[in-house]
């Protein structure tokens, strides 16, 4: 199953690379035949999204002079986790797949709790 998903991700990467080379002709044609380059960029993009959650949390905590986890933290967690999961499936790395898969469940669950509590607060008001 993971091998099938990895192959599908690679096909998607080749299609995106082909589109990018068509739109931006200064890009090398090797991007289409060598999707690893594009997938490395995808992996770094996921890491960037994931890192932004900590930067956001740090800045929010500094602003309020106490430890704070803003809602956007969870959205960056989901974005970074999803992109890293995509990259992990493409790499067929079961360790990262399990870690990111569990993380996504936790991030989504936290957003559920936040929305549930906000709905209760709105109903009570």
PDB file of N, CA and C in Angstrom:
ATOM      1  N   UNK A   1       0.818  -1.195   0.000  1.00  0.00           N
ATOM      2  CA  UNK A   1       0.000   0.000   0.000  1.00  0.00           C
ATOM      3  C   UNK A   1       0.866   1.264   0.000  1.00  0.00           C
ATOM      4  N   UNK A   2       1.883   1.279   0.856  1.00  0.00           N
ATOM      5  CA  UNK A   2       2.757   2.452   0.914  1.00  0.00           C
ATOM      6  C   UNK A   2       3.510   2.614  -0.402  1.00  0.00           C
ATOM      7  N   UNK A   3       3.938   1.500  -0.998  1.00  0.00           N
ATOM      8  CA  UNK A   3       4.648   1.579  -2.282  1.00  0.00           C
ATOM      9  C   UNK A   3       3.728   2.163  -3.363  1.00  0.00           C
ATOM     10  N   UNK A   4       2.456   1.764  -3.342  1.00  0.00           N
ATOM     11  CA  UNK A   4       1.498   2.304  -4.312  1.00  0.00           C
ATOM     12  C   UNK A   4       1.317   3.808  -4.116  1.00  0.00           C
ATOM     13  N   UNK A   5       1.123   4.227  -2.855  1.00  0.00           N
ATOM     14  CA  UNK A   5       0.964   5.658  -2.569  1.00  0.00           C
ATOM     15  C   UNK A   5       2.213   6.440  -2.954  1.00  0.00           C
ATOM     16  N   UNK A   6       3.374   5.871  -2.684  1.00  0.00           N
ATOM     17  CA  UNK A   6       4.639   6.517  -3.047  1.00  0.00           C
ATOM     18  C   UNK A   6       4.721   6.730  -4.560  1.00  0.00           C
ATOM     19  N   UNK A   7       4.329   5.716  -5.316  1.00  0.00           N
ATOM     20  CA  UNK A   7       4.358   5.821  -6.775  1.00  0.00           C
ATOM     21  C   UNK A   7       3.380   6.896  -7.259  1.00  0.00           C
ATOM     22  N   UNK A   8       2.221   6.987  -6.622  1.00  0.00           N
ATOM     23  CA  UNK A   8       1.241   8.010  -7.002  1.00  0.00           C
ATOM     24  C   UNK A   8       1.757   9.412  -6.684  1.00  0.00           C
ATOM     25  N   UNK A   9       2.414   9.544  -5.547  1.00  0.00           N
ATOM     26  CA  UNK A   9       2.996  10.841  -5.181  1.00  0.00           C
ATOM     27  C   UNK A   9       4.075  11.219  -6.183  1.00  0.00           C
ATOM     28  N   UNK A  10       4.880  10.244  -6.588  1.00  0.00           N
ATOM     29  CA  UNK A  10       5.928  10.525  -7.571  1.00  0.00           C
ATOM     30  C   UNK A  10       5.334  10.943  -8.912  1.00  0.00           C
ATOM     31  N   UNK A  11       4.251  10.298  -9.317  1.00  0.00           N
ATOM     32  CA  UNK A  11       3.576  10.707 -10.553  1.00  0.00           C
ATOM     33  C   UNK A  11       3.066  12.143 -10.438  1.00  0.00           C
ATOM     34  N   UNK A  12       2.502  12.459  -9.290  1.00  0.00           N
ATOM     35  CA  UNK A  12       2.031  13.822  -9.057  1.00  0.00           C
ATOM     36  C   UNK A  12       3.175  14.825  -9.087  1.00  0.00           C
ATOM     37  N   UNK A  13       4.308  14.448  -8.499  1.00  0.00           N
ATOM     38  CA  UNK A  13       5.482  15.331  -8.493  1.00  0.00           C
ATOM     39  C   UNK A  13       5.982  15.556  -9.916  1.00  0.00           C
ATOM     40  N   UNK A  14       5.968  14.498 -10.728  1.00  0.00           N
ATOM     41  CA  UNK A  14       6.392  14.647 -12.127  1.00  0.00           C
ATOM     42  C   UNK A  14       5.440  15.574 -12.891  1.00  0.00           C
ATOM     43  N   UNK A  15       4.138  15.447 -12.624  1.00  0.00           N
ATOM     44  CA  UNK A  15       3.151  16.299 -13.298  1.00  0.00           C
ATOM     45  C   UNK A  15       3.335  17.762 -12.878  1.00  0.00           C
ATOM     46  N   UNK A  16       3.543  17.988 -11.591  1.00  0.00           N
ATOM     47  CA  UNK A  16       3.776  19.357 -11.106  1.00  0.00           C
ATOM     48  C   UNK A  16       5.069  19.904 -11.699  1.00  0.00           C
ATOM     49  N   UNK A  17       6.107  19.074 -11.731  1.00  0.00           N
ATOM     50  CA  UNK A  17       7.390  19.509 -12.300  1.00  0.00           C
ATOM     51  C   UNK A  17       7.229  19.862 -13.776  1.00  0.00           C
ATOM     52  N   UNK A  18       6.481  19.060 -14.505  1.00  0.00           N
ATOM     53  CA  UNK A  18       6.243  19.331 -15.917  1.00  0.00           C
ATOM     54  C   UNK A  18       5.521  20.664 -16.100  1.00  0.00           C
ATOM     55  N   UNK A  19       4.525  20.904 -15.263  1.00  0.00           N
ATOM     56  CA  UNK A  19       3.796  22.168 -15.312  1.00  0.00           C
ATOM     57  C   UNK A  19       4.726  23.344 -14.979  1.00  0.00           C
ATOM     58  N   UNK A  20       5.540  23.180 -13.958  1.00  0.00           N
ATOM     59  CA  UNK A  20       6.466  24.245 -13.569  1.00  0.00           C
ATOM     60  C   UNK A  20       7.467  24.561 -14.675  1.00  0.00           C
ATOM     61  N   UNK A  21       7.986  23.518 -15.323  1.00  0.00           N
ATOM     62  CA  UNK A  21       8.952  23.725 -16.409  1.00  0.00           C
ATOM     63  C   UNK A  21       8.282  24.405 -17.595  1.00  0.00           C
ATOM     64  N   UNK A  22       7.008  24.095 -17.824  1.00  0.00           N
ATOM     65  CA  UNK A  22       6.268  24.742 -18.912  1.00  0.00           C
ATOM     66  C   UNK A  22       6.020  26.218 -18.604  1.00  0.00           C
ATOM     67  N   UNK A  23       5.597  26.483 -17.384  1.00  0.00           N
ATOM     68  CA  UNK A  23       5.292  27.863 -16.988  1.00  0.00           C
ATOM     69  C   UNK A  23       6.571  28.686 -16.811  1.00  0.00           C
ATOM     70  N   UNK A  24       7.583  28.066 -16.243  1.00  0.00           N
ATOM     71  CA  UNK A  24       8.849  28.753 -15.959  1.00  0.00           C
ATOM     72  C   UNK A  24       9.971  28.078 -16.757  1.00  0.00           C
ATOM     73  N   UNK A  25      10.125  28.443 -18.032  1.00  0.00           N
ATOM     74  CA  UNK A  25      11.057  27.736 -18.922  1.00  0.00           C
ATOM     75  C   UNK A  25      12.527  27.813 -18.499  1.00  0.00           C
ATOM     76  N   UNK A  26      12.870  28.686 -17.570  1.00  0.00           N
ATOM     77  CA  UNK A  26      14.252  28.757 -17.109  1.00  0.00           C
ATOM     78  C   UNK A  26      14.615  27.609 -16.162  1.00  0.00           C
ATOM     79  N   UNK A  27      13.583  26.869 -15.683  1.00  0.00           N
ATOM     80  CA  UNK A  27      13.848  25.713 -14.836  1.00  0.00           C
ATOM     81  C   UNK A  27      14.425  24.576 -15.678  1.00  0.00           C
ATOM     82  N   UNK A  28      15.300  23.781 -15.111  1.00  0.00           N
ATOM     83  CA  UNK A  28      15.909  22.687 -15.889  1.00  0.00           C
ATOM     84  C   UNK A  28      14.905  21.567 -16.178  1.00  0.00           C
ATOM     85  N   UNK A  29      15.025  20.958 -17.360  1.00  0.00           N
ATOM     86  CA  UNK A  29      14.161  19.833 -17.737  1.00  0.00           C
ATOM     87  C   UNK A  29      14.362  18.632 -16.823  1.00  0.00           C
ATOM     88  N   UNK A  30      15.521  18.567 -16.190  1.00  0.00           N
ATOM     89  CA  UNK A  30      15.808  17.439 -15.296  1.00  0.00           C
ATOM     90  C   UNK A  30      14.846  17.393 -14.114  1.00  0.00           C
ATOM     91  N   UNK A  31      14.163  18.491 -13.844  1.00  0.00           N
ATOM     92  CA  UNK A  31      13.178  18.517 -12.765  1.00  0.00           C
ATOM     93  C   UNK A  31      12.054  17.517 -13.041  1.00  0.00           C
ATOM     94  N   UNK A  32      11.711  17.351 -14.320  1.00  0.00           N
ATOM     95  CA  UNK A  32      10.638  16.421 -14.702  1.00  0.00           C
ATOM     96  C   UNK A  32      11.109  14.978 -14.576  1.00  0.00           C
ATOM     97  N   UNK A  33      12.334  14.707 -15.004  1.00  0.00           N
ATOM     98  CA  UNK A  33      12.846  13.334 -14.984  1.00  0.00           C
ATOM     99  C   UNK A  33      13.423  12.947 -13.632  1.00  0.00           C
ATOM    100  N   UNK A  34      13.663  13.932 -12.778  1.00  0.00           N
ATOM    101  CA  UNK A  34      14.253  13.683 -11.475  1.00  0.00           C
ATOM    102  C   UNK A  34      13.375  14.328 -10.395  1.00  0.00           C
ATOM    103  N   UNK A  35      12.247  13.689 -10.033  1.00  0.00           N
ATOM    104  CA  UNK A  35      11.311  14.311  -9.083  1.00  0.00           C
ATOM    105  C   UNK A  35      11.869  14.442  -7.665  1.00  0.00           C
ATOM    106  N   UNK A  36      13.007  13.796  -7.402  1.00  0.00           N
ATOM    107  CA  UNK A  36      13.597  13.901  -6.072  1.00  0.00           C
ATOM    108  C   UNK A  36      13.883  15.351  -5.698  1.00  0.00           C
ATOM    109  N   UNK A  37      14.310  16.139  -6.688  1.00  0.00           N
ATOM    110  CA  UNK A  37      14.607  17.553  -6.421  1.00  0.00           C
ATOM    111  C   UNK A  37      13.358  18.282  -5.935  1.00  0.00           C
ATOM    112  N   UNK A  38      12.252  18.062  -6.618  1.00  0.00           N
ATOM    113  CA  UNK A  38      10.998  18.704  -6.232  1.00  0.00           C
ATOM    114  C   UNK A  38      10.534  18.200  -4.861  1.00  0.00           C
ATOM    115  N   UNK A  39      10.671  16.917  -4.621  1.00  0.00           N
ATOM    116  CA  UNK A  39      10.226  16.348  -3.352  1.00  0.00           C
ATOM    117  C   UNK A  39      11.085  16.823  -2.183  1.00  0.00           C
ATOM    118  N   UNK A  40      12.348  17.098  -2.428  1.00  0.00           N
ATOM    119  CA  UNK A  40      13.186  17.675  -1.373  1.00  0.00           C
ATOM    120  C   UNK A  40      12.656  19.060  -1.008  1.00  0.00           C
ATOM    121  N   UNK A  41      12.258  19.826  -2.021  1.00  0.00           N
ATOM    122  CA  UNK A  41      11.669  21.142  -1.772  1.00  0.00           C
ATOM    123  C   UNK A  41      10.375  20.993  -0.974  1.00  0.00           C
ATOM    124  N   UNK A  42       9.563  19.993  -1.332  1.00  0.00           N
ATOM    125  CA  UNK A  42       8.317  19.727  -0.599  1.00  0.00           C
ATOM    126  C   UNK A  42       8.633  19.385   0.858  1.00  0.00           C
ATOM    127  N   UNK A  43       9.637  18.547   1.073  1.00  0.00           N
ATOM    128  CA  UNK A  43      10.032  18.181   2.434  1.00  0.00           C
ATOM    129  C   UNK A  43      10.467  19.388   3.249  1.00  0.00           C
ATOM    130  N   UNK A  44      11.275  20.255   2.645  1.00  0.00           N
ATOM    131  CA  UNK A  44      11.705  21.462   3.341  1.00  0.00           C
ATOM    132  C   UNK A  44      10.526  22.413   3.591  1.00  0.00           C
ATOM    133  N   UNK A  45       9.578  22.461   2.669  1.00  0.00           N
ATOM    134  CA  UNK A  45       8.388  23.295   2.869  1.00  0.00           C
ATOM    135  C   UNK A  45       7.594  22.791   4.077  1.00  0.00           C
ATOM    136  N   UNK A  46       7.466  21.494   4.193  1.00  0.00           N
ATOM    137  CA  UNK A  46       6.783  20.910   5.355  1.00  0.00           C
ATOM    138  C   UNK A  46       7.506  21.245   6.648  1.00  0.00           C
ATOM    139  N   UNK A  47       8.827  21.151   6.616  1.00  0.00           N
ATOM    140  CA  UNK A  47       9.615  21.500   7.803  1.00  0.00           C
ATOM    141  C   UNK A  47       9.442  22.981   8.136  1.00  0.00           C
ATOM    142  N   UNK A  48       9.371  23.827   7.099  1.00  0.00           N
ATOM    143  CA  UNK A  48       9.172  25.255   7.321  1.00  0.00           C
ATOM    144  C   UNK A  48       7.839  25.544   7.985  1.00  0.00           C
ATOM    145  N   UNK A  49       6.780  24.907   7.491  1.00  0.00           N
ATOM    146  CA  UNK A  49       5.461  25.067   8.105  1.00  0.00           C
ATOM    147  C   UNK A  49       5.478  24.596   9.558  1.00  0.00           C
ATOM    148  N   UNK A  50       6.119  23.464   9.773  1.00  0.00           N
ATOM    149  CA  UNK A  50       6.190  22.897  11.110  1.00  0.00           C
ATOM    150  C   UNK A  50       6.966  23.825  12.041  1.00  0.00           C
ATOM    151  N   UNK A  51       8.048  24.415  11.562  1.00  0.00           N
ATOM    152  CA  UNK A  51       8.843  25.329  12.380  1.00  0.00           C
ATOM    153  C   UNK A  51       8.072  26.607  12.695  1.00  0.00           C
ATOM    154  N   UNK A  52       7.241  27.045  11.772  1.00  0.00           N
ATOM    155  CA  UNK A  52       6.471  28.276  11.987  1.00  0.00           C
ATOM    156  C   UNK A  52       5.568  28.179  13.210  1.00  0.00           C
ATOM    157  N   UNK A  53       5.110  26.991  13.524  1.00  0.00           N
ATOM    158  CA  UNK A  53       4.230  26.850  14.685  1.00  0.00           C
ATOM    159  C   UNK A  53       4.960  27.222  15.965  1.00  0.00           C
ATOM    160  N   UNK A  54       6.241  26.856  16.048  1.00  0.00           N
ATOM    161  CA  UNK A  54       7.016  27.191  17.241  1.00  0.00           C
ATOM    162  C   UNK A  54       7.338  28.679  17.292  1.00  0.00           C
ATOM    163  N   UNK A  55       7.635  29.251  16.141  1.00  0.00           N
ATOM    164  CA  UNK A  55       7.907  30.689  16.089  1.00  0.00           C
ATOM    165  C   UNK A  55       6.658  31.466  16.493  1.00  0.00           C
ATOM    166  N   UNK A  56       5.510  31.057  15.957  1.00  0.00           N
ATOM    167  CA  UNK A  56       4.240  31.696  16.294  1.00  0.00           C
ATOM    168  C   UNK A  56       3.943  31.564  17.780  1.00  0.00           C
ATOM    169  N   UNK A  57       4.155  30.388  18.330  1.00  0.00           N
ATOM    170  CA  UNK A  57       3.897  30.162  19.752  1.00  0.00           C
ATOM    171  C   UNK A  57       4.842  31.009  20.599  1.00  0.00           C
ATOM    172  N   UNK A  58       6.084  31.074  20.221  1.00  0.00           N
ATOM    173  CA  UNK A  58       7.065  31.873  20.955  1.00  0.00           C
ATOM    174  C   UNK A  58       6.683  33.350  20.942  1.00  0.00           C
ATOM    175  N   UNK A  59       6.352  33.879  19.752  1.00  0.00           N
ATOM    176  CA  UNK A  59       5.986  35.294  19.643  1.00  0.00           C
ATOM    177  C   UNK A  59       4.713  35.606  20.435  1.00  0.00           C
ATOM    178  N   UNK A  60       3.735  34.710  20.378  1.00  0.00           N
ATOM    179  CA  UNK A  60       2.490  34.910  21.136  1.00  0.00           C
ATOM    180  C   UNK A  60       2.769  34.893  22.633  1.00  0.00           C
ATOM    181  N   UNK A  61       3.611  33.996  23.080  1.00  0.00           N
ATOM    182  CA  UNK A  61       3.953  33.925  24.502  1.00  0.00           C
ATOM    183  C   UNK A  61       4.710  35.161  24.948  1.00  0.00           C
ATOM    184  N   UNK A  62       5.632  35.628  24.128  1.00  0.00           N
ATOM    185  CA  UNK A  62       6.381  36.844  24.461  1.00  0.00           C
ATOM    186  C   UNK A  62       5.443  38.043  24.573  1.00  0.00           C
ATOM    187  N   UNK A  63       4.506  38.130  23.659  1.00  0.00           N
ATOM    188  CA  UNK A  63       3.561  39.258  23.648  1.00  0.00           C
ATOM    189  C   UNK A  63       2.713  39.285  24.915  1.00  0.00           C
ATOM    190  N   UNK A  64       2.299  38.104  25.376  1.00  0.00           N
ATOM    191  CA  UNK A  64       1.427  38.031  26.553  1.00  0.00           C
ATOM    192  C   UNK A  64       2.200  37.781  27.852  1.00  0.00           C
ATOM    193  N   UNK A  65       3.514  37.599  27.726  1.00  0.00           N
ATOM    194  CA  UNK A  65       4.390  37.349  28.886  1.00  0.00           C
ATOM    195  C   UNK A  65       3.967  36.120  29.687  1.00  0.00           C
ATOM    196  N   UNK A  66       3.429  35.125  28.980  1.00  0.00           N
ATOM    197  CA  UNK A  66       3.100  33.830  29.582  1.00  0.00           C
ATOM    198  C   UNK A  66       3.022  32.800  28.458  1.00  0.00           C
ATOM    199  N   UNK A  67       3.050  31.547  28.819  1.00  0.00           N
ATOM    200  CA  UNK A  67       2.997  30.490  27.809  1.00  0.00           C
ATOM    201  C   UNK A  67       1.601  30.432  27.191  1.00  0.00           C
ATOM    202  N   UNK A  68       1.558  30.572  25.874  1.00  0.00           N
ATOM    203  CA  UNK A  68       0.292  30.614  25.141  1.00  0.00           C
ATOM    204  C   UNK A  68       0.423  29.718  23.906  1.00  0.00           C
ATOM    205  N   UNK A  69      -0.646  28.997  23.608  1.00  0.00           N
ATOM    206  CA  UNK A  69      -0.689  28.235  22.358  1.00  0.00           C
ATOM    207  C   UNK A  69      -1.845  28.776  21.534  1.00  0.00           C
ATOM    208  N   UNK A  70      -1.544  29.616  20.535  1.00  0.00           N
ATOM    209  CA  UNK A  70      -2.619  30.177  19.701  1.00  0.00           C
ATOM    210  C   UNK A  70      -3.215  29.110  18.783  1.00  0.00           C
ATOM    211  N   UNK A  71      -4.441  29.322  18.350  1.00  0.00           N
ATOM    212  CA  UNK A  71      -5.121  28.368  17.458  1.00  0.00           C
ATOM    213  C   UNK A  71      -4.319  28.155  16.178  1.00  0.00           C
ATOM    214  N   UNK A  72      -3.677  29.203  15.677  1.00  0.00           N
ATOM    215  CA  UNK A  72      -2.882  29.076  14.450  1.00  0.00           C
ATOM    216  C   UNK A  72      -1.766  28.045  14.613  1.00  0.00           C
ATOM    217  N   UNK A  73      -1.313  27.815  15.841  1.00  0.00           N
ATOM    218  CA  UNK A  73      -0.307  26.782  16.108  1.00  0.00           C
ATOM    219  C   UNK A  73      -0.779  25.435  15.572  1.00  0.00           C
ATOM    220  N   UNK A  74      -2.054  25.133  15.835  1.00  0.00           N
ATOM    221  CA  UNK A  74      -2.595  23.837  15.396  1.00  0.00           C
ATOM    222  C   UNK A  74      -2.753  23.782  13.881  1.00  0.00           C
ATOM    223  N   UNK A  75      -3.082  24.902  13.257  1.00  0.00           N
ATOM    224  CA  UNK A  75      -3.191  24.915  11.794  1.00  0.00           C
ATOM    225  C   UNK A  75      -1.824  24.734  11.138  1.00  0.00           C
ATOM    226  N   UNK A  76      -0.801  25.390  11.679  1.00  0.00           N
ATOM    227  CA  UNK A  76       0.551  25.170  11.161  1.00  0.00           C
ATOM    228  C   UNK A  76       0.990  23.731  11.417  1.00  0.00           C
ATOM    229  N   UNK A  77       0.593  23.169  12.549  1.00  0.00           N
ATOM    230  CA  UNK A  77       0.918  21.775  12.848  1.00  0.00           C
ATOM    231  C   UNK A  77       0.295  20.839  11.823  1.00  0.00           C
ATOM    232  N   UNK A  78      -0.964  21.087  11.486  1.00  0.00           N
ATOM    233  CA  UNK A  78      -1.655  20.252  10.496  1.00  0.00           C
ATOM    234  C   UNK A  78      -1.017  20.418   9.120  1.00  0.00           C
ATOM    235  N   UNK A  79      -0.764  21.664   8.716  1.00  0.00           N
ATOM    236  CA  UNK A  79      -0.138  21.901   7.409  1.00  0.00           C
ATOM    237  C   UNK A  79       1.232  21.249   7.309  1.00  0.00           C
ATOM    238  N   UNK A  80       2.076  21.499   8.288  1.00  0.00           N
ATOM    239  CA  UNK A  80       3.416  20.908   8.273  1.00  0.00           C
ATOM    240  C   UNK A  80       3.370  19.399   8.379  1.00  0.00           C
ATOM    241  N   UNK A  81       2.510  18.891   9.259  1.00  0.00           N
ATOM    242  CA  UNK A  81       2.390  17.443   9.426  1.00  0.00           C
ATOM    243  C   UNK A  81       1.887  16.755   8.168  1.00  0.00           C
ATOM    244  N   UNK A  82       0.926  17.362   7.485  1.00  0.00           N
ATOM    245  CA  UNK A  82       0.383  16.767   6.262  1.00  0.00           C
ATOM    246  C   UNK A  82       1.425  16.740   5.154  1.00  0.00           C
ATOM    247  N   UNK A  83       2.157  17.841   5.004  1.00  0.00           N
ATOM    248  CA  UNK A  83       3.190  17.886   3.960  1.00  0.00           C
ATOM    249  C   UNK A  83       4.312  16.905   4.294  1.00  0.00           C
ATOM    250  N   UNK A  84       4.707  16.835   5.566  1.00  0.00           N
ATOM    251  CA  UNK A  84       5.747  15.880   5.948  1.00  0.00           C
ATOM    252  C   UNK A  84       5.268  14.435   5.815  1.00  0.00           C
ATOM    253  N   UNK A  85       3.985  14.196   6.069  1.00  0.00           N
ATOM    254  CA  UNK A  85       3.438  12.848   5.862  1.00  0.00           C
ATOM    255  C   UNK A  85       3.496  12.477   4.385  1.00  0.00           C
ATOM    256  N   UNK A  86       3.147  13.405   3.522  1.00  0.00           N
ATOM    257  CA  UNK A  86       3.238  13.183   2.079  1.00  0.00           C
ATOM    258  C   UNK A  86       4.679  12.820   1.693  1.00  0.00           C
ATOM    259  N   UNK A  87       5.624  13.596   2.208  1.00  0.00           N
ATOM    260  CA  UNK A  87       7.040  13.345   1.926  1.00  0.00           C
ATOM    261  C   UNK A  87       7.472  11.982   2.483  1.00  0.00           C
ATOM    262  N   UNK A  88       7.028  11.655   3.689  1.00  0.00           N
ATOM    263  CA  UNK A  88       7.395  10.379   4.304  1.00  0.00           C
ATOM    264  C   UNK A  88       6.837   9.195   3.518  1.00  0.00           C
ATOM    265  N   UNK A  89       5.612   9.333   3.027  1.00  0.00           N
ATOM    266  CA  UNK A  89       5.031   8.250   2.213  1.00  0.00           C
ATOM    267  C   UNK A  89       5.822   8.099   0.930  1.00  0.00           C
ATOM    268  N   UNK A  90       6.189   9.219   0.312  1.00  0.00           N
ATOM    269  CA  UNK A  90       6.990   9.145  -0.911  1.00  0.00           C
ATOM    270  C   UNK A  90       8.318   8.448  -0.631  1.00  0.00           C
ATOM    271  N   UNK A  91       8.932   8.739   0.524  1.00  0.00           N
ATOM    272  CA  UNK A  91      10.207   8.111   0.901  1.00  0.00           C
ATOM    273  C   UNK A  91      10.006   6.680   1.403  1.00  0.00           C
ATOM    274  N   UNK A  92       8.763   6.304   1.666  1.00  0.00           N
ATOM    275  CA  UNK A  92       8.406   5.002   2.212  1.00  0.00           C
ATOM    276  C   UNK A  92       9.111   4.764   3.549  1.00  0.00           C
ATOM    277  N   UNK A  93       9.048   5.787   4.404  1.00  0.00           N
ATOM    278  CA  UNK A  93       9.701   5.751   5.711  1.00  0.00           C
ATOM    279  C   UNK A  93       8.650   5.502   6.793  1.00  0.00           C
ATOM    280  N   UNK A  94       8.537   4.255   7.269  1.00  0.00           N
ATOM    281  CA  UNK A  94       7.473   3.935   8.221  1.00  0.00           C
ATOM    282  C   UNK A  94       7.584   4.676   9.552  1.00  0.00           C
ATOM    283  N   UNK A  95       8.785   5.033   9.975  1.00  0.00           N
ATOM    284  CA  UNK A  95       8.952   5.743  11.239  1.00  0.00           C
ATOM    285  C   UNK A  95       8.327   7.135  11.149  1.00  0.00           C
ATOM    286  N   UNK A  96       8.650   7.874  10.095  1.00  0.00           N
ATOM    287  CA  UNK A  96       8.095   9.220   9.934  1.00  0.00           C
ATOM    288  C   UNK A  96       6.601   9.143   9.629  1.00  0.00           C
ATOM    289  N   UNK A  97       6.176   8.146   8.858  1.00  0.00           N
ATOM    290  CA  UNK A  97       4.749   7.983   8.558  1.00  0.00           C
ATOM    291  C   UNK A  97       3.958   7.816   9.854  1.00  0.00           C
ATOM    292  N   UNK A  98       4.419   6.946  10.731  1.00  0.00           N
ATOM    293  CA  UNK A  98       3.713   6.731  12.004  1.00  0.00           C
ATOM    294  C   UNK A  98       3.715   7.990  12.861  1.00  0.00           C
ATOM    295  N   UNK A  99       4.855   8.652  12.954  1.00  0.00           N
ATOM    296  CA  UNK A  99       4.951   9.856  13.770  1.00  0.00           C
ATOM    297  C   UNK A  99       4.052  10.967  13.272  1.00  0.00           C
ATOM    298  N   UNK A 100       4.099  11.231  11.963  1.00  0.00           N
ATOM    299  CA  UNK A 100       3.277  12.310  11.412  1.00  0.00           C
ATOM    300  C   UNK A 100       1.795  11.929  11.398  1.00  0.00           C
ATOM    301  N   UNK A 101       1.494  10.665  11.140  1.00  0.00           N
ATOM    302  CA  UNK A 101       0.096  10.226  11.146  1.00  0.00           C
ATOM    303  C   UNK A 101      -0.537  10.405  12.512  1.00  0.00           C
ATOM    304  N   UNK A 102       0.162  10.003  13.566  1.00  0.00           N
ATOM    305  CA  UNK A 102      -0.347  10.183  14.925  1.00  0.00           C
ATOM    306  C   UNK A 102      -0.437  11.659  15.260  1.00  0.00           C
ATOM    307  N   UNK A 103       0.581  12.422  14.881  1.00  0.00           N
ATOM    308  CA  UNK A 103       0.574  13.859  15.144  1.00  0.00           C
ATOM    309  C   UNK A 103      -0.631  14.535  14.517  1.00  0.00           C
ATOM    310  N   UNK A 104      -0.942  14.193  13.261  1.00  0.00           N
ATOM    311  CA  UNK A 104      -2.105  14.798  12.592  1.00  0.00           C
ATOM    312  C   UNK A 104      -3.396  14.520  13.351  1.00  0.00           C
ATOM    313  N   UNK A 105      -3.526  13.308  13.848  1.00  0.00           N
ATOM    314  CA  UNK A 105      -4.711  12.972  14.644  1.00  0.00           C
ATOM    315  C   UNK A 105      -4.793  13.867  15.878  1.00  0.00           C
ATOM    316  N   UNK A 106      -3.670  14.055  16.564  1.00  0.00           N
ATOM    317  CA  UNK A 106      -3.647  14.875  17.782  1.00  0.00           C
ATOM    318  C   UNK A 106      -3.954  16.338  17.468  1.00  0.00           C
ATOM    319  N   UNK A 107      -3.380  16.862  16.384  1.00  0.00           N
ATOM    320  CA  UNK A 107      -3.620  18.264  16.031  1.00  0.00           C
ATOM    321  C   UNK A 107      -5.087  18.490  15.689  1.00  0.00           C
ATOM    322  N   UNK A 108      -5.653  17.582  14.917  1.00  0.00           N
ATOM    323  CA  UNK A 108      -7.067  17.701  14.553  1.00  0.00           C
ATOM    324  C   UNK A 108      -7.965  17.577  15.787  1.00  0.00           C
ATOM    325  N   UNK A 109      -7.603  16.704  16.687  1.00  0.00           N
ATOM    326  CA  UNK A 109      -8.377  16.517  17.916  1.00  0.00           C
ATOM    327  C   UNK A 109      -8.343  17.787  18.765  1.00  0.00           C
ATOM    328  N   UNK A 110      -7.193  18.440  18.846  1.00  0.00           N
ATOM    329  CA  UNK A 110      -7.095  19.684  19.600  1.00  0.00           C
ATOM    330  C   UNK A 110      -7.982  20.761  18.985  1.00  0.00           C
ATOM    331  N   UNK A 111      -7.989  20.858  17.652  1.00  0.00           N
ATOM    332  CA  UNK A 111      -8.876  21.828  17.002  1.00  0.00           C
ATOM    333  C   UNK A 111     -10.343  21.509  17.286  1.00  0.00           C
ATOM    334  N   UNK A 112     -10.680  20.234  17.322  1.00  0.00           N
ATOM    335  CA  UNK A 112     -12.041  19.828  17.661  1.00  0.00           C
ATOM    336  C   UNK A 112     -12.414  20.330  19.062  1.00  0.00           C
ATOM    337  N   UNK A 113     -11.516  20.124  20.034  1.00  0.00           N
ATOM    338  CA  UNK A 113     -11.775  20.583  21.404  1.00  0.00           C
ATOM    339  C   UNK A 113     -11.949  22.100  21.460  1.00  0.00           C
ATOM    340  N   UNK A 114     -11.108  22.824  20.745  1.00  0.00           N
ATOM    341  CA  UNK A 114     -11.192  24.285  20.727  1.00  0.00           C
ATOM    342  C   UNK A 114     -12.530  24.734  20.164  1.00  0.00           C
ATOM    343  N   UNK A 115     -12.932  24.158  19.039  1.00  0.00           N
ATOM    344  CA  UNK A 115     -14.210  24.540  18.420  1.00  0.00           C
ATOM    345  C   UNK A 115     -15.397  24.148  19.293  1.00  0.00           C
ATOM    346  N   UNK A 116     -15.302  22.975  19.921  1.00  0.00           N
ATOM    347  CA  UNK A 116     -16.380  22.530  20.808  1.00  0.00           C
ATOM    348  C   UNK A 116     -16.545  23.490  21.983  1.00  0.00           C
ATOM    349  N   UNK A 117     -15.422  23.873  22.583  1.00  0.00           N
ATOM    350  CA  UNK A 117     -15.480  24.789  23.721  1.00  0.00           C
ATOM    351  C   UNK A 117     -15.997  26.163  23.310  1.00  0.00           C
ATOM    352  N   UNK A 118     -15.611  26.619  22.137  1.00  0.00           N
ATOM    353  CA  UNK A 118     -16.109  27.918  21.661  1.00  0.00           C
ATOM    354  C   UNK A 118     -17.613  27.863  21.404  1.00  0.00           C
ATOM    355  N   UNK A 119     -18.096  26.739  20.902  1.00  0.00           N
ATOM    356  CA  UNK A 119     -19.541  26.595  20.655  1.00  0.00           C
ATOM    357  C   UNK A 119     -20.296  26.600  21.986  1.00  0.00           C
ATOM    358  N   UNK A 120     -19.742  25.923  22.992  1.00  0.00           N
ATOM    359  CA  UNK A 120     -20.374  25.914  24.317  1.00  0.00           C
ATOM    360  C   UNK A 120     -20.408  27.313  24.906  1.00  0.00           C
ATOM    361  N   UNK A 121     -19.294  28.034  24.772  1.00  0.00           N
ATOM    362  CA  UNK A 121     -19.228  29.408  25.300  1.00  0.00           C
ATOM    363  C   UNK A 121     -20.228  30.310  24.599  1.00  0.00           C
ATOM    364  N   UNK A 122     -20.365  30.149  23.272  1.00  0.00           N
ATOM    365  CA  UNK A 122     -21.310  30.965  22.515  1.00  0.00           C
ATOM    366  C   UNK A 122     -22.745  30.642  22.908  1.00  0.00           C
ATOM    367  N   UNK A 123     -23.031  29.363  23.168  1.00  0.00           N
ATOM    368  CA  UNK A 123     -24.381  28.957  23.570  1.00  0.00           C
ATOM    369  C   UNK A 123     -24.726  29.483  24.957  1.00  0.00           C
ATOM    370  N   UNK A 124     -23.737  29.520  25.828  1.00  0.00           N
ATOM    371  CA  UNK A 124     -23.960  29.969  27.202  1.00  0.00           C
ATOM    372  C   UNK A 124     -24.170  31.478  27.276  1.00  0.00           C
ATOM    373  N   UNK A 125     -23.628  32.175  26.298  1.00  0.00           N
ATOM    374  CA  UNK A 125     -23.735  33.655  26.337  1.00  0.00           C
ATOM    375  C   UNK A 125     -25.049  34.190  25.878  1.00  0.00           C
TER     376      UNK A 125
END
